[in-house]
Amino acid sequence: MLSRGYEVLACDISPAMVERACRRSRLQPAAVLVADNSLAVYRDFFSRDTVLETDEAVFCWRGIEIFSTGDGECWTRASSRHVQRHHGPTLVRRLLAEAGIELLELYGQGTGARLEQPADEKAHQKLVYFCRRSAARGDLIEGR
């Protein structure tokens, strides 16, 4: 992020970094990053069955089914229901504006986490919204 010209307030979720980010955000509007799966991901990856296999586990994407073994002979099955919802750019932009958050840039995320413009939700895996809290919304900046 630094090499792209962004100012970074913190770089991990440790208590010291969170405290540092809170101190620095009092001096300026805080930066916000929002990422959401694109329509392409829902129409491709989430719409088909996928199987990934290692020596110890088989991961089946269909809901989510995981078969694993600790001893190489006996397998256990774990199932979970995975619910996601697509939020298109029009809705995300509206919700950001309603929350007093200014959209600075919108990128599409390509393979290898490459950020590209223009964002194309039919081609990119994720849409990445770079935002900041509006300076006019002092209540959001203080946020306490």
C-alpha atoms as a PDB file:
ATOM      1  CA  MET A   1       0.000   0.000   0.000  1.00  0.00           C
ATOM      2  CA  LEU A   2       2.857   2.365   0.813  1.00  0.00           C
ATOM      3  CA  SER A   3       4.441   1.774  -2.609  1.00  0.00           C
ATOM      4  CA  ARG A   4       1.124   2.802  -4.217  1.00  0.00           C
ATOM      5  CA  GLY A   5       1.152   6.116  -2.367  1.00  0.00           C
ATOM      6  CA  TYR A   6      -1.326   5.306   0.396  1.00  0.00           C
ATOM      7  CA  GLU A   7      -0.683   6.367   3.965  1.00  0.00           C
ATOM      8  CA  VAL A   8      -0.899   3.349   6.242  1.00  0.00           C
ATOM      9  CA  LEU A   9      -2.143   3.935   9.792  1.00  0.00           C
ATOM     10  CA  ALA A  10      -1.440   0.376  10.993  1.00  0.00           C
ATOM     11  CA  CYS A  11      -0.364  -2.909   9.501  1.00  0.00           C
ATOM     12  CA  ASP A  12      -1.813  -5.635  11.749  1.00  0.00           C
ATOM     13  CA  ILE A  13      -4.486  -6.245  14.372  1.00  0.00           C
ATOM     14  CA  SER A  14      -2.182  -6.311  17.426  1.00  0.00           C
ATOM     15  CA  PRO A  15      -3.293  -4.123  20.377  1.00  0.00           C
ATOM     16  CA  ALA A  16      -0.325  -1.779  19.857  1.00  0.00           C
ATOM     17  CA  MET A  17      -1.183  -1.257  16.169  1.00  0.00           C
ATOM     18  CA  VAL A  18      -4.879  -0.697  16.903  1.00  0.00           C
ATOM     19  CA  GLU A  19      -3.940   1.912  19.516  1.00  0.00           C
ATOM     20  CA  ARG A  20      -1.562   3.572  17.044  1.00  0.00           C
ATOM     21  CA  ALA A  21      -4.229   3.672  14.337  1.00  0.00           C
ATOM     22  CA  CYS A  22      -6.768   5.184  16.750  1.00  0.00           C
ATOM     23  CA  ARG A  23      -4.300   7.924  17.791  1.00  0.00           C
ATOM     24  CA  ARG A  24      -3.438   8.755  14.183  1.00  0.00           C
ATOM     25  CA  SER A  25      -7.062   8.669  12.999  1.00  0.00           C
ATOM     26  CA  ARG A  26      -7.949  11.482  15.433  1.00  0.00           C
ATOM     27  CA  LEU A  27      -5.719  13.747  13.374  1.00  0.00           C
ATOM     28  CA  GLN A  28      -7.292  12.975  10.000  1.00  0.00           C
ATOM     29  CA  PRO A  29     -10.269  11.141   8.515  1.00  0.00           C
ATOM     30  CA  ALA A  30      -9.684   7.403   8.852  1.00  0.00           C
ATOM     31  CA  ALA A  31      -9.162   5.289   5.769  1.00  0.00           C
ATOM     32  CA  VAL A  32     -11.578   2.479   5.041  1.00  0.00           C
ATOM     33  CA  LEU A  33     -11.190  -0.491   2.731  1.00  0.00           C
ATOM     34  CA  VAL A  34     -14.195  -2.521   1.614  1.00  0.00           C
ATOM     35  CA  ALA A  35     -13.859  -5.657  -0.506  1.00  0.00           C
ATOM     36  CA  ASP A  36     -16.713  -7.747  -1.823  1.00  0.00           C
ATOM     37  CA  ASN A  37     -16.947 -10.781  -4.057  1.00  0.00           C
ATOM     38  CA  SER A  38     -17.809  -9.856  -7.600  1.00  0.00           C
ATOM     39  CA  LEU A  39     -20.615 -11.193  -9.731  1.00  0.00           C
ATOM     40  CA  ALA A  40     -18.004 -13.271 -11.588  1.00  0.00           C
ATOM     41  CA  VAL A  41     -17.190 -15.229  -8.411  1.00  0.00           C
ATOM     42  CA  TYR A  42     -20.859 -16.012  -7.769  1.00  0.00           C
ATOM     43  CA  ARG A  43     -21.442 -17.082 -11.358  1.00  0.00           C
ATOM     44  CA  ASP A  44     -18.258 -19.179 -11.510  1.00  0.00           C
ATOM     45  CA  PHE A  45     -16.719 -20.563  -8.309  1.00  0.00           C
ATOM     46  CA  PHE A  46     -19.816 -20.514  -6.075  1.00  0.00           C
ATOM     47  CA  SER A  47     -22.036 -22.023  -8.773  1.00  0.00           C
ATOM     48  CA  ARG A  48     -20.106 -25.255  -9.267  1.00  0.00           C
ATOM     49  CA  ASP A  49     -18.904 -28.181  -7.221  1.00  0.00           C
ATOM     50  CA  THR A  50     -15.191 -28.055  -6.381  1.00  0.00           C
ATOM     51  CA  VAL A  51     -13.029 -30.752  -4.815  1.00  0.00           C
ATOM     52  CA  LEU A  52      -9.566 -30.126  -3.345  1.00  0.00           C
ATOM     53  CA  GLU A  53      -7.576 -33.007  -1.910  1.00  0.00           C
ATOM     54  CA  THR A  54      -4.518 -33.526   0.337  1.00  0.00           C
ATOM     55  CA  ASP A  55      -3.258 -36.658   2.096  1.00  0.00           C
ATOM     56  CA  GLU A  56      -5.196 -35.735   5.239  1.00  0.00           C
ATOM     57  CA  ALA A  57      -8.334 -34.078   3.891  1.00  0.00           C
ATOM     58  CA  VAL A  58     -10.768 -33.751   1.021  1.00  0.00           C
ATOM     59  CA  PHE A  59     -12.557 -30.401   0.732  1.00  0.00           C
ATOM     60  CA  CYS A  60     -15.810 -30.425  -1.271  1.00  0.00           C
ATOM     61  CA  TRP A  61     -17.416 -27.082  -2.062  1.00  0.00           C
ATOM     62  CA  ARG A  62     -21.162 -27.767  -2.205  1.00  0.00           C
ATOM     63  CA  GLY A  63     -22.443 -26.105   0.912  1.00  0.00           C
ATOM     64  CA  ILE A  64     -19.176 -27.136   2.478  1.00  0.00           C
ATOM     65  CA  GLU A  65     -18.188 -30.733   3.100  1.00  0.00           C
ATOM     66  CA  ILE A  66     -14.799 -31.591   4.610  1.00  0.00           C
ATOM     67  CA  PHE A  67     -13.634 -35.162   4.991  1.00  0.00           C
ATOM     68  CA  SER A  68     -10.500 -35.521   7.102  1.00  0.00           C
ATOM     69  CA  THR A  69      -8.410 -38.240   8.674  1.00  0.00           C
ATOM     70  CA  GLY A  70      -5.994 -38.205  11.549  1.00  0.00           C
ATOM     71  CA  ASP A  71      -4.731 -41.748  11.171  1.00  0.00           C
ATOM     72  CA  GLY A  72      -4.978 -42.309   7.425  1.00  0.00           C
ATOM     73  CA  GLU A  73      -7.646 -44.995   7.839  1.00  0.00           C
ATOM     74  CA  CYS A  74     -10.669 -43.531   9.555  1.00  0.00           C
ATOM     75  CA  TRP A  75     -12.337 -40.492   7.960  1.00  0.00           C
ATOM     76  CA  THR A  76     -14.704 -37.977   9.558  1.00  0.00           C
ATOM     77  CA  ARG A  77     -17.121 -35.706   7.761  1.00  0.00           C
ATOM     78  CA  ALA A  78     -17.838 -32.103   8.743  1.00  0.00           C
ATOM     79  CA  SER A  79     -20.590 -30.144   7.009  1.00  0.00           C
ATOM     80  CA  SER A  80     -21.547 -26.505   7.163  1.00  0.00           C
ATOM     81  CA  ARG A  81     -23.942 -24.208   5.396  1.00  0.00           C
ATOM     82  CA  HIS A  82     -22.185 -21.277   3.751  1.00  0.00           C
ATOM     83  CA  VAL A  83     -24.467 -18.365   2.861  1.00  0.00           C
ATOM     84  CA  GLN A  84     -23.229 -15.365   0.928  1.00  0.00           C
ATOM     85  CA  ARG A  85     -24.976 -12.478  -0.740  1.00  0.00           C
ATOM     86  CA  HIS A  86     -23.797 -10.383  -3.630  1.00  0.00           C
ATOM     87  CA  HIS A  87     -23.751  -6.609  -3.127  1.00  0.00           C
ATOM     88  CA  GLY A  88     -23.352  -4.854  -6.458  1.00  0.00           C
ATOM     89  CA  PRO A  89     -21.406  -1.613  -6.951  1.00  0.00           C
ATOM     90  CA  THR A  90     -24.537   0.541  -7.159  1.00  0.00           C
ATOM     91  CA  LEU A  91     -25.735  -0.660  -3.742  1.00  0.00           C
ATOM     92  CA  VAL A  92     -22.268  -0.440  -2.157  1.00  0.00           C
ATOM     93  CA  ARG A  93     -21.791   3.129  -3.442  1.00  0.00           C
ATOM     94  CA  ARG A  94     -25.201   4.155  -2.076  1.00  0.00           C
ATOM     95  CA  LEU A  95     -24.570   2.581   1.328  1.00  0.00           C
ATOM     96  CA  LEU A  96     -21.133   4.194   1.597  1.00  0.00           C
ATOM     97  CA  ALA A  97     -22.622   7.606   0.787  1.00  0.00           C
ATOM     98  CA  GLU A  98     -25.446   7.115   3.304  1.00  0.00           C
ATOM     99  CA  ALA A  99     -22.860   6.269   5.965  1.00  0.00           C
ATOM    100  CA  GLY A 100     -20.907   9.452   5.224  1.00  0.00           C
ATOM    101  CA  ILE A 101     -18.023   7.557   3.654  1.00  0.00           C
ATOM    102  CA  GLU A 102     -16.368   9.004   0.561  1.00  0.00           C
ATOM    103  CA  LEU A 103     -15.403   6.574  -2.206  1.00  0.00           C
ATOM    104  CA  LEU A 104     -11.901   7.474  -3.398  1.00  0.00           C
ATOM    105  CA  GLU A 105     -11.154   4.669  -5.874  1.00  0.00           C
ATOM    106  CA  LEU A 106     -12.739   1.444  -7.087  1.00  0.00           C
ATOM    107  CA  TYR A 107     -10.501  -1.384  -8.304  1.00  0.00           C
ATOM    108  CA  GLY A 108     -11.081  -4.891  -9.537  1.00  0.00           C
ATOM    109  CA  GLN A 109      -8.917  -7.610  -8.016  1.00  0.00           C
ATOM    110  CA  GLY A 110      -7.422  -9.980 -10.545  1.00  0.00           C
ATOM    111  CA  THR A 111      -5.503 -13.209 -10.128  1.00  0.00           C
ATOM    112  CA  GLY A 112      -2.557 -12.892  -7.747  1.00  0.00           C
ATOM    113  CA  ALA A 113      -4.281 -10.061  -5.845  1.00  0.00           C
ATOM    114  CA  ARG A 114      -3.485  -7.571  -8.647  1.00  0.00           C
ATOM    115  CA  LEU A 115      -5.560  -4.407  -8.461  1.00  0.00           C
ATOM    116  CA  GLU A 116      -6.770  -3.142 -11.834  1.00  0.00           C
ATOM    117  CA  GLN A 117      -8.933  -0.376 -13.218  1.00  0.00           C
ATOM    118  CA  PRO A 118     -11.542  -0.108 -14.416  1.00  0.00           C
ATOM    119  CA  ALA A 119     -13.239  -2.536 -12.051  1.00  0.00           C
ATOM    120  CA  ASP A 120     -15.298  -5.098 -13.950  1.00  0.00           C
ATOM    121  CA  GLU A 121     -17.482  -7.277 -11.763  1.00  0.00           C
ATOM    122  CA  LYS A 122     -17.980  -9.750 -14.603  1.00  0.00           C
ATOM    123  CA  ALA A 123     -14.210 -10.286 -14.943  1.00  0.00           C
ATOM    124  CA  HIS A 124     -12.590  -9.555 -11.557  1.00  0.00           C
ATOM    125  CA  GLN A 125     -12.796 -11.841  -8.511  1.00  0.00           C
ATOM    126  CA  LYS A 126     -13.415  -9.025  -6.048  1.00  0.00           C
ATOM    127  CA  LEU A 127     -14.230  -5.365  -6.135  1.00  0.00           C
ATOM    128  CA  VAL A 128     -12.072  -3.299  -3.788  1.00  0.00           C
ATOM    129  CA  TYR A 129     -13.378   0.064  -2.627  1.00  0.00           C
ATOM    130  CA  PHE A 130     -10.815   2.503  -1.178  1.00  0.00           C
ATOM    131  CA  CYS A 131     -12.677   4.987   0.980  1.00  0.00           C
ATOM    132  CA  ARG A 132     -12.328   7.488   3.774  1.00  0.00           C
ATOM    133  CA  ARG A 133     -14.690   8.863   6.300  1.00  0.00           C
ATOM    134  CA  SER A 134     -15.990  12.215   5.225  1.00  0.00           C
ATOM    135  CA  ALA A 135     -14.287  15.113   7.004  1.00  0.00           C
ATOM    136  CA  ALA A 136     -17.752  16.668   7.284  1.00  0.00           C
ATOM    137  CA  ARG A 137     -18.805  13.740   9.490  1.00  0.00           C
ATOM    138  CA  GLY A 138     -16.886  14.565  12.666  1.00  0.00           C
ATOM    139  CA  ASP A 139     -19.050  12.112  14.592  1.00  0.00           C
ATOM    140  CA  LEU A 140     -17.611   9.279  12.460  1.00  0.00           C
ATOM    141  CA  ILE A 141     -14.037  10.464  12.873  1.00  0.00           C
ATOM    142  CA  GLU A 142     -14.295  10.587  16.646  1.00  0.00           C
ATOM    143  CA  GLY A 143     -16.544   7.513  16.510  1.00  0.00           C
ATOM    144  CA  ARG A 144     -16.511   7.019  20.227  1.00  0.00           C
END
